Amino acid sequence: MSAPSATPLLAIRGLRASYGKVEALKGVDLVIKPGEIVTLIGANGAGKSTLMMTIFGKPRARAGQIEFDGRDITGAATHDIARMRIAQSPEGRRIFPRMSVAENLQMGADATNSNDADRTVSLERVLTLFPRLKERMTQRGGTLSGGEQQMLAIGRALMSRPRLLMLDEPSLGLAPLIARQIFDAIRILNREDGLTVLVVEQNANHALRLAHRGYVMVNGLITLSGTGTELLARPEIRAAYLEGGRKT
C-alpha cells in the first residue's frame, strides 16, 4: 500500500443527517488522508451507506462539515462534487442494465466532462484491471454476472479519474474468488496509482486487512477507530464481526 500523507483529503466533523424525522448520522467525525485505504464497518442500519451518500450530497447534511482537499463541500450539489473527482460505486451496483458495458463506462467519464485523451487512459486502466469487461464491451450490463456487474460499477467510477473512490459493499453477494479479485483491484489502485479509497464493506476480515485504517459505526456514531491490524485484534470486533460470521 502507498504511504499516506499527513494532510487530510477528506475531513468530516460533527456530521448529522436525517431521513425525515429519523436521524441517521448523529455527529460523525472521520478523516481520510491522501493515499489511504479507509474501511468503515458496522451493523446493518448503522448509517454507513448514509454517510457515503451524505458526502455525495444526498441527503444534505443537517449539521456539521465536510471538507475535501481543504474546501467546504457540505452544501455542494452532487454534480459539482463529482466534478471535484469524488466517485462512488454504490451498494447494489446500479449499472444501466439496457446499456452496453462500453456505454456504462462512457457514463462514468461524462460525469466529469473529461477530454478524449483522459477517457482513453482511464478506459485502458479499467480494462487492464478487469480484463473480463474487455471481452464484453458490446454486451448489455443487465446480462452480466454479479461479479462482472460489480467490476463494471467500479470501472464506471474509475472512468472519472477520481481522487477519492468510495465503494459501498463491493463484495456483497459475490463468490469468494470474485470478491478476492475485487479486493486485489482496490489494493493495486492504491499501491500503483496512489488512489485514496473509502470502503464500506460487510466482509470485515478482508476489509480491515486491506485498509490502512478503519472506523466502526454504531447507531449513527463512530465508536472505534484505529489501524486495520489494531481493529482486527480487538476482542469486541472479533466477537461482533468475525467469529459469529459476517454481520456487517
C-alpha atoms as a PDB file:
ATOM      1  CA  MET A   1       0.000   0.000   0.000  1.00  0.00           C
ATOM      2  CA  SER A   2       1.154   3.528  -0.709  1.00  0.00           C
ATOM      3  CA  ALA A   3       2.292   5.768   2.143  1.00  0.00           C
ATOM      4  CA  PRO A   4      -0.439   8.260   3.081  1.00  0.00           C
ATOM      5  CA  SER A   5       0.214  11.978   3.503  1.00  0.00           C
ATOM      6  CA  ALA A   6      -0.426  13.731   6.821  1.00  0.00           C
ATOM      7  CA  THR A   7      -2.867  16.346   5.439  1.00  0.00           C
ATOM      8  CA  PRO A   8      -6.474  15.119   5.128  1.00  0.00           C
ATOM      9  CA  LEU A   9      -8.027  14.731   1.698  1.00  0.00           C
ATOM     10  CA  LEU A  10     -11.454  14.295   3.312  1.00  0.00           C
ATOM     11  CA  ALA A  11     -12.323  15.668   6.739  1.00  0.00           C
ATOM     12  CA  ILE A  12     -15.765  15.178   8.297  1.00  0.00           C
ATOM     13  CA  ARG A  13     -16.649  16.932  11.532  1.00  0.00           C
ATOM     14  CA  GLY A  14     -19.819  16.643  13.591  1.00  0.00           C
ATOM     15  CA  LEU A  15     -21.836  15.442  10.607  1.00  0.00           C
ATOM     16  CA  ARG A  16     -25.568  14.959  11.109  1.00  0.00           C
ATOM     17  CA  ALA A  17     -28.098  13.809   8.530  1.00  0.00           C
ATOM     18  CA  SER A  18     -31.708  12.685   8.675  1.00  0.00           C
ATOM     19  CA  TYR A  19     -34.390  10.926   6.694  1.00  0.00           C
ATOM     20  CA  GLY A  20     -37.486  12.832   7.682  1.00  0.00           C
ATOM     21  CA  LYS A  21     -37.590  12.758  11.476  1.00  0.00           C
ATOM     22  CA  VAL A  22     -35.170   9.844  11.745  1.00  0.00           C
ATOM     23  CA  GLU A  23     -31.620  10.974  12.480  1.00  0.00           C
ATOM     24  CA  ALA A  24     -29.253   8.579  10.681  1.00  0.00           C
ATOM     25  CA  LEU A  25     -25.956  10.367  11.403  1.00  0.00           C
ATOM     26  CA  LYS A  26     -25.560  11.812  14.878  1.00  0.00           C
ATOM     27  CA  GLY A  27     -22.294  13.727  14.811  1.00  0.00           C
ATOM     28  CA  VAL A  28     -19.789  11.734  12.759  1.00  0.00           C
ATOM     29  CA  ASP A  29     -16.081  12.600  12.735  1.00  0.00           C
ATOM     30  CA  LEU A  30     -13.895  10.891  10.128  1.00  0.00           C
ATOM     31  CA  VAL A  31     -10.626  11.730   8.371  1.00  0.00           C
ATOM     32  CA  ILE A  32      -9.074  10.232   5.240  1.00  0.00           C
ATOM     33  CA  LYS A  33      -5.546  11.185   4.196  1.00  0.00           C
ATOM     34  CA  PRO A  34      -4.274  11.110   0.608  1.00  0.00           C
ATOM     35  CA  GLY A  35      -3.103   7.636  -0.369  1.00  0.00           C
ATOM     36  CA  GLU A  36      -5.055   5.834   2.354  1.00  0.00           C
ATOM     37  CA  ILE A  37      -7.483   2.973   2.164  1.00  0.00           C
ATOM     38  CA  VAL A  38     -10.007   3.542   4.963  1.00  0.00           C
ATOM     39  CA  THR A  39     -12.635   0.950   5.843  1.00  0.00           C
ATOM     40  CA  LEU A  40     -15.932   1.647   7.587  1.00  0.00           C
ATOM     41  CA  ILE A  41     -17.654  -1.308   9.249  1.00  0.00           C
ATOM     42  CA  GLY A  42     -20.803  -1.630  11.323  1.00  0.00           C
ATOM     43  CA  ALA A  43     -24.078  -3.484  11.572  1.00  0.00           C
ATOM     44  CA  ASN A  44     -26.858  -3.088   9.030  1.00  0.00           C
ATOM     45  CA  GLY A  45     -28.650   0.213   9.657  1.00  0.00           C
ATOM     46  CA  ALA A  46     -25.677   1.766  11.466  1.00  0.00           C
ATOM     47  CA  GLY A  47     -25.532   4.662   8.980  1.00  0.00           C
ATOM     48  CA  LYS A  48     -22.595   3.602   6.804  1.00  0.00           C
ATOM     49  CA  SER A  49     -24.308   3.999   3.433  1.00  0.00           C
ATOM     50  CA  THR A  50     -25.976   7.206   4.629  1.00  0.00           C
ATOM     51  CA  LEU A  51     -22.541   8.639   5.389  1.00  0.00           C
ATOM     52  CA  MET A  52     -21.363   7.911   1.840  1.00  0.00           C
ATOM     53  CA  MET A  53     -24.497   9.392   0.313  1.00  0.00           C
ATOM     54  CA  THR A  54     -24.251  12.499   2.512  1.00  0.00           C
ATOM     55  CA  ILE A  55     -20.666  13.049   1.361  1.00  0.00           C
ATOM     56  CA  PHE A  56     -22.090  12.977  -2.166  1.00  0.00           C
ATOM     57  CA  GLY A  57     -24.805  15.494  -1.340  1.00  0.00           C
ATOM     58  CA  LYS A  58     -27.902  13.294  -0.959  1.00  0.00           C
ATOM     59  CA  PRO A  59     -29.210  13.557   1.694  1.00  0.00           C
ATOM     60  CA  ARG A  60     -27.939  17.002   2.598  1.00  0.00           C
ATOM     61  CA  ALA A  61     -26.150  17.388   5.906  1.00  0.00           C
ATOM     62  CA  ARG A  62     -28.329  18.845   8.660  1.00  0.00           C
ATOM     63  CA  ALA A  63     -25.297  19.964  10.670  1.00  0.00           C
ATOM     64  CA  GLY A  64     -21.529  19.587  10.668  1.00  0.00           C
ATOM     65  CA  GLN A  65     -18.953  19.998   7.925  1.00  0.00           C
ATOM     66  CA  ILE A  66     -17.482  18.027   5.035  1.00  0.00           C
ATOM     67  CA  GLU A  67     -14.168  19.267   3.619  1.00  0.00           C
ATOM     68  CA  PHE A  68     -12.482  17.876   0.518  1.00  0.00           C
ATOM     69  CA  ASP A  69      -8.902  18.953  -0.084  1.00  0.00           C
ATOM     70  CA  GLY A  70      -9.457  21.899   2.248  1.00  0.00           C
ATOM     71  CA  ARG A  71     -12.665  23.044   0.525  1.00  0.00           C
ATOM     72  CA  ASP A  72     -16.027  23.040   2.299  1.00  0.00           C
ATOM     73  CA  ILE A  73     -18.373  20.892   0.194  1.00  0.00           C
ATOM     74  CA  THR A  74     -21.102  20.468   2.818  1.00  0.00           C
ATOM     75  CA  GLY A  75     -23.777  22.228   0.776  1.00  0.00           C
ATOM     76  CA  ALA A  76     -22.440  21.451  -2.698  1.00  0.00           C
ATOM     77  CA  ALA A  77     -24.640  19.871  -5.372  1.00  0.00           C
ATOM     78  CA  THR A  78     -23.975  16.250  -6.312  1.00  0.00           C
ATOM     79  CA  HIS A  79     -22.836  17.090  -9.859  1.00  0.00           C
ATOM     80  CA  ASP A  80     -20.357  19.651  -8.506  1.00  0.00           C
ATOM     81  CA  ILE A  81     -18.989  17.096  -6.043  1.00  0.00           C
ATOM     82  CA  ALA A  82     -18.483  14.621  -8.905  1.00  0.00           C
ATOM     83  CA  ARG A  83     -16.541  17.253 -10.850  1.00  0.00           C
ATOM     84  CA  MET A  84     -14.160  17.552  -7.891  1.00  0.00           C
ATOM     85  CA  ARG A  85     -13.223  13.950  -8.797  1.00  0.00           C
ATOM     86  CA  ILE A  86     -15.011  12.173  -5.985  1.00  0.00           C
ATOM     87  CA  ALA A  87     -16.549   8.985  -7.374  1.00  0.00           C
ATOM     88  CA  GLN A  88     -18.885   6.435  -5.835  1.00  0.00           C
ATOM     89  CA  SER A  89     -19.690   2.814  -6.623  1.00  0.00           C
ATOM     90  CA  PRO A  90     -22.971   2.455  -4.725  1.00  0.00           C
ATOM     91  CA  GLU A  91     -24.448  -0.525  -2.919  1.00  0.00           C
ATOM     92  CA  GLY A  92     -26.380  -2.648  -5.384  1.00  0.00           C
ATOM     93  CA  ARG A  93     -24.093  -1.516  -8.259  1.00  0.00           C
ATOM     94  CA  ARG A  94     -26.844   0.461 -10.045  1.00  0.00           C
ATOM     95  CA  ILE A  95     -25.443  -0.020 -13.510  1.00  0.00           C
ATOM     96  CA  PHE A  96     -27.596   0.801 -16.526  1.00  0.00           C
ATOM     97  CA  PRO A  97     -28.917  -2.655 -17.455  1.00  0.00           C
ATOM     98  CA  ARG A  98     -30.048  -1.808 -21.003  1.00  0.00           C
ATOM     99  CA  MET A  99     -26.806  -0.068 -21.902  1.00  0.00           C
ATOM    100  CA  SER A 100     -23.731  -1.923 -23.113  1.00  0.00           C
ATOM    101  CA  VAL A 101     -20.603  -2.227 -20.996  1.00  0.00           C
ATOM    102  CA  ALA A 102     -18.960   0.429 -23.188  1.00  0.00           C
ATOM    103  CA  GLU A 103     -21.913   2.806 -22.734  1.00  0.00           C
ATOM    104  CA  ASN A 104     -21.920   2.306 -18.961  1.00  0.00           C
ATOM    105  CA  LEU A 105     -18.236   3.184 -18.819  1.00  0.00           C
ATOM    106  CA  GLN A 106     -18.845   6.226 -21.004  1.00  0.00           C
ATOM    107  CA  MET A 107     -21.421   7.465 -18.483  1.00  0.00           C
ATOM    108  CA  GLY A 108     -18.700   7.476 -15.822  1.00  0.00           C
ATOM    109  CA  ALA A 109     -16.450   9.651 -17.992  1.00  0.00           C
ATOM    110  CA  ASP A 110     -19.328  12.026 -18.764  1.00  0.00           C
ATOM    111  CA  ALA A 111     -19.721  12.829 -15.047  1.00  0.00           C
ATOM    112  CA  THR A 112     -16.559  14.948 -15.093  1.00  0.00           C
ATOM    113  CA  ASN A 113     -16.534  16.156 -18.715  1.00  0.00           C
ATOM    114  CA  SER A 114     -13.102  14.611 -19.240  1.00  0.00           C
ATOM    115  CA  ASN A 115     -11.363  15.036 -22.596  1.00  0.00           C
ATOM    116  CA  ASP A 116     -10.787  12.260 -25.131  1.00  0.00           C
ATOM    117  CA  ALA A 117      -7.194  11.649 -24.081  1.00  0.00           C
ATOM    118  CA  ASP A 118      -8.175  11.239 -20.421  1.00  0.00           C
ATOM    119  CA  ARG A 119     -11.027   8.911 -21.377  1.00  0.00           C
ATOM    120  CA  THR A 120      -8.662   6.722 -23.361  1.00  0.00           C
ATOM    121  CA  VAL A 121      -6.199   6.469 -20.484  1.00  0.00           C
ATOM    122  CA  SER A 122      -8.988   5.731 -17.996  1.00  0.00           C
ATOM    123  CA  LEU A 123     -10.528   3.075 -20.226  1.00  0.00           C
ATOM    124  CA  GLU A 124      -7.196   1.337 -20.699  1.00  0.00           C
ATOM    125  CA  ARG A 125      -6.694   1.285 -16.927  1.00  0.00           C
ATOM    126  CA  VAL A 126     -10.162  -0.147 -16.281  1.00  0.00           C
ATOM    127  CA  LEU A 127      -9.757  -2.878 -18.880  1.00  0.00           C
ATOM    128  CA  THR A 128      -6.314  -3.771 -17.536  1.00  0.00           C
ATOM    129  CA  LEU A 129      -7.762  -4.143 -14.041  1.00  0.00           C
ATOM    130  CA  PHE A 130     -10.855  -6.004 -15.245  1.00  0.00           C
ATOM    131  CA  PRO A 131      -9.999  -7.816 -18.495  1.00  0.00           C
ATOM    132  CA  ARG A 132     -13.335  -9.621 -18.372  1.00  0.00           C
ATOM    133  CA  LEU A 133     -15.035  -6.322 -19.225  1.00  0.00           C
ATOM    134  CA  LYS A 134     -12.931  -6.044 -22.376  1.00  0.00           C
ATOM    135  CA  GLU A 135     -14.462  -9.294 -23.589  1.00  0.00           C
ATOM    136  CA  ARG A 136     -17.984  -7.930 -23.007  1.00  0.00           C
ATOM    137  CA  MET A 137     -17.849  -4.344 -24.251  1.00  0.00           C
ATOM    138  CA  THR A 138     -20.890  -4.741 -26.509  1.00  0.00           C
ATOM    139  CA  GLN A 139     -22.887  -6.842 -24.034  1.00  0.00           C
ATOM    140  CA  ARG A 140     -25.750  -5.262 -22.096  1.00  0.00           C
ATOM    141  CA  GLY A 141     -24.937  -4.554 -18.465  1.00  0.00           C
ATOM    142  CA  GLY A 142     -28.023  -6.375 -17.227  1.00  0.00           C
ATOM    143  CA  THR A 143     -26.865  -9.662 -18.767  1.00  0.00           C
ATOM    144  CA  LEU A 144     -23.561  -9.718 -16.874  1.00  0.00           C
ATOM    145  CA  SER A 145     -22.944 -11.917 -13.845  1.00  0.00           C
ATOM    146  CA  GLY A 146     -22.991 -10.327 -10.400  1.00  0.00           C
ATOM    147  CA  GLY A 147     -19.212 -10.194 -10.269  1.00  0.00           C
ATOM    148  CA  GLU A 148     -18.978  -8.658 -13.719  1.00  0.00           C
ATOM    149  CA  GLN A 149     -21.576  -6.053 -12.771  1.00  0.00           C
ATOM    150  CA  GLN A 150     -19.509  -5.133  -9.712  1.00  0.00           C
ATOM    151  CA  MET A 151     -16.422  -4.776 -11.910  1.00  0.00           C
ATOM    152  CA  LEU A 152     -18.452  -2.566 -14.236  1.00  0.00           C
ATOM    153  CA  ALA A 153     -19.731  -0.402 -11.376  1.00  0.00           C
ATOM    154  CA  ILE A 154     -16.180   0.165 -10.106  1.00  0.00           C
ATOM    155  CA  GLY A 155     -14.899   0.668 -13.646  1.00  0.00           C
ATOM    156  CA  ARG A 156     -17.589   3.282 -14.308  1.00  0.00           C
ATOM    157  CA  ALA A 157     -16.476   5.168 -11.167  1.00  0.00           C
ATOM    158  CA  LEU A 158     -12.834   4.953 -12.249  1.00  0.00           C
ATOM    159  CA  MET A 159     -13.637   6.493 -15.639  1.00  0.00           C
ATOM    160  CA  SER A 160     -13.981   9.863 -13.891  1.00  0.00           C
ATOM    161  CA  ARG A 161     -10.307   9.639 -12.810  1.00  0.00           C
ATOM    162  CA  PRO A 162     -11.232  10.115  -9.136  1.00  0.00           C
ATOM    163  CA  ARG A 163      -9.007  11.432  -6.393  1.00  0.00           C
ATOM    164  CA  LEU A 164     -11.307   9.728  -3.867  1.00  0.00           C
ATOM    165  CA  LEU A 165     -13.089   6.464  -4.703  1.00  0.00           C
ATOM    166  CA  MET A 166     -15.951   5.445  -2.401  1.00  0.00           C
ATOM    167  CA  LEU A 167     -17.067   1.807  -2.562  1.00  0.00           C
ATOM    168  CA  ASP A 168     -20.243   0.654  -0.825  1.00  0.00           C
ATOM    169  CA  GLU A 169     -20.323  -3.113  -0.164  1.00  0.00           C
ATOM    170  CA  PRO A 170     -18.120  -4.102  -3.142  1.00  0.00           C
ATOM    171  CA  SER A 171     -18.086  -7.820  -2.245  1.00  0.00           C
ATOM    172  CA  LEU A 172     -21.784  -8.168  -1.367  1.00  0.00           C
ATOM    173  CA  GLY A 173     -23.273 -11.313  -2.867  1.00  0.00           C
ATOM    174  CA  LEU A 174     -20.094 -12.336  -4.684  1.00  0.00           C
ATOM    175  CA  ALA A 175     -18.368 -15.709  -4.681  1.00  0.00           C
ATOM    176  CA  PRO A 176     -15.138 -15.699  -2.622  1.00  0.00           C
ATOM    177  CA  LEU A 177     -12.892 -15.889  -5.695  1.00  0.00           C
ATOM    178  CA  ILE A 178     -14.570 -12.901  -7.353  1.00  0.00           C
ATOM    179  CA  ALA A 179     -14.574 -10.941  -4.091  1.00  0.00           C
ATOM    180  CA  ARG A 180     -10.840 -11.563  -3.816  1.00  0.00           C
ATOM    181  CA  GLN A 181     -10.362 -10.169  -7.333  1.00  0.00           C
ATOM    182  CA  ILE A 182     -12.251  -7.028  -6.334  1.00  0.00           C
ATOM    183  CA  PHE A 183     -10.116  -6.548  -3.209  1.00  0.00           C
ATOM    184  CA  ASP A 184      -6.956  -7.180  -5.246  1.00  0.00           C
ATOM    185  CA  ALA A 185      -8.018  -4.469  -7.707  1.00  0.00           C
ATOM    186  CA  ILE A 186      -8.527  -1.997  -4.843  1.00  0.00           C
ATOM    187  CA  ARG A 187      -5.092  -2.818  -3.495  1.00  0.00           C
ATOM    188  CA  ILE A 188      -3.493  -2.332  -6.941  1.00  0.00           C
ATOM    189  CA  LEU A 189      -5.226   1.017  -7.456  1.00  0.00           C
ATOM    190  CA  ASN A 190      -3.936   2.221  -4.115  1.00  0.00           C
ATOM    191  CA  ARG A 191      -0.405   0.844  -4.467  1.00  0.00           C
ATOM    192  CA  GLU A 192       0.252   1.656  -8.124  1.00  0.00           C
ATOM    193  CA  ASP A 193      -1.952   4.706  -8.732  1.00  0.00           C
ATOM    194  CA  GLY A 194      -1.925   6.213  -5.247  1.00  0.00           C
ATOM    195  CA  LEU A 195      -5.720   6.274  -5.254  1.00  0.00           C
ATOM    196  CA  THR A 196      -7.428   7.176  -1.978  1.00  0.00           C
ATOM    197  CA  VAL A 197     -10.277   4.786  -1.168  1.00  0.00           C
ATOM    198  CA  LEU A 198     -13.134   4.698   1.345  1.00  0.00           C
ATOM    199  CA  VAL A 199     -14.681   1.217   1.616  1.00  0.00           C
ATOM    200  CA  VAL A 200     -17.930   0.312   3.341  1.00  0.00           C
ATOM    201  CA  GLU A 201     -17.789  -3.471   3.482  1.00  0.00           C
ATOM    202  CA  GLN A 202     -19.688  -6.369   5.002  1.00  0.00           C
ATOM    203  CA  ASN A 203     -16.607  -8.600   4.987  1.00  0.00           C
ATOM    204  CA  ALA A 204     -14.838  -7.054   7.969  1.00  0.00           C
ATOM    205  CA  ASN A 205     -11.952  -9.524   7.896  1.00  0.00           C
ATOM    206  CA  HIS A 206     -10.924  -8.780   4.315  1.00  0.00           C
ATOM    207  CA  ALA A 207     -11.727  -5.083   4.562  1.00  0.00           C
ATOM    208  CA  LEU A 208      -9.652  -4.450   7.681  1.00  0.00           C
ATOM    209  CA  ARG A 209      -6.744  -6.459   6.290  1.00  0.00           C
ATOM    210  CA  LEU A 210      -6.898  -4.279   3.180  1.00  0.00           C
ATOM    211  CA  ALA A 211      -7.104  -0.939   4.994  1.00  0.00           C
ATOM    212  CA  HIS A 212      -4.538   1.434   6.415  1.00  0.00           C
ATOM    213  CA  ARG A 213      -7.152   2.475   8.978  1.00  0.00           C
ATOM    214  CA  GLY A 214     -10.690   1.615   9.929  1.00  0.00           C
ATOM    215  CA  TYR A 215     -13.701   3.067  11.698  1.00  0.00           C
ATOM    216  CA  VAL A 216     -16.567   1.280  13.436  1.00  0.00           C
ATOM    217  CA  MET A 217     -20.019   2.848  13.252  1.00  0.00           C
ATOM    218  CA  VAL A 218     -22.845   2.096  15.681  1.00  0.00           C
ATOM    219  CA  ASN A 219     -26.244   3.822  15.507  1.00  0.00           C
ATOM    220  CA  GLY A 220     -25.009   6.797  13.510  1.00  0.00           C
ATOM    221  CA  LEU A 221     -21.854   7.392  15.548  1.00  0.00           C
ATOM    222  CA  ILE A 222     -18.199   6.408  15.188  1.00  0.00           C
ATOM    223  CA  THR A 223     -17.386   4.314  18.257  1.00  0.00           C
ATOM    224  CA  LEU A 224     -13.923   2.950  17.440  1.00  0.00           C
ATOM    225  CA  SER A 225     -11.054   3.758  15.108  1.00  0.00           C
ATOM    226  CA  GLY A 226      -7.535   2.514  14.530  1.00  0.00           C
ATOM    227  CA  THR A 227      -5.341   0.753  12.045  1.00  0.00           C
ATOM    228  CA  GLY A 228      -6.812  -2.269  10.347  1.00  0.00           C
ATOM    229  CA  THR A 229      -4.485  -4.505  12.350  1.00  0.00           C
ATOM    230  CA  GLU A 230      -5.454  -2.866  15.631  1.00  0.00           C
ATOM    231  CA  LEU A 231      -9.161  -3.265  14.995  1.00  0.00           C
ATOM    232  CA  LEU A 232      -8.772  -6.899  13.905  1.00  0.00           C
ATOM    233  CA  ALA A 233      -7.029  -7.626  17.207  1.00  0.00           C
ATOM    234  CA  ARG A 234      -9.767  -6.150  19.404  1.00  0.00           C
ATOM    235  CA  PRO A 235     -11.909  -8.864  21.025  1.00  0.00           C
ATOM    236  CA  GLU A 236     -15.145  -6.893  20.659  1.00  0.00           C
ATOM    237  CA  ILE A 237     -14.539  -6.537  16.903  1.00  0.00           C
ATOM    238  CA  ARG A 238     -13.819 -10.229  16.547  1.00  0.00           C
ATOM    239  CA  ALA A 239     -16.932 -11.148  18.522  1.00  0.00           C
ATOM    240  CA  ALA A 240     -19.249  -8.780  16.655  1.00  0.00           C
ATOM    241  CA  TYR A 241     -17.978  -9.027  13.092  1.00  0.00           C
ATOM    242  CA  LEU A 242     -15.720 -12.047  12.680  1.00  0.00           C
ATOM    243  CA  GLU A 243     -16.293 -15.019  14.949  1.00  0.00           C
ATOM    244  CA  GLY A 244     -20.049 -15.265  14.507  1.00  0.00           C
ATOM    245  CA  GLY A 245     -19.966 -14.888  10.754  1.00  0.00           C
ATOM    246  CA  ARG A 246     -20.338 -11.787   8.634  1.00  0.00           C
ATOM    247  CA  LYS A 247     -22.689  -9.387  10.407  1.00  0.00           C
ATOM    248  CA  THR A 248     -21.714  -6.064   8.912  1.00  0.00           C
END
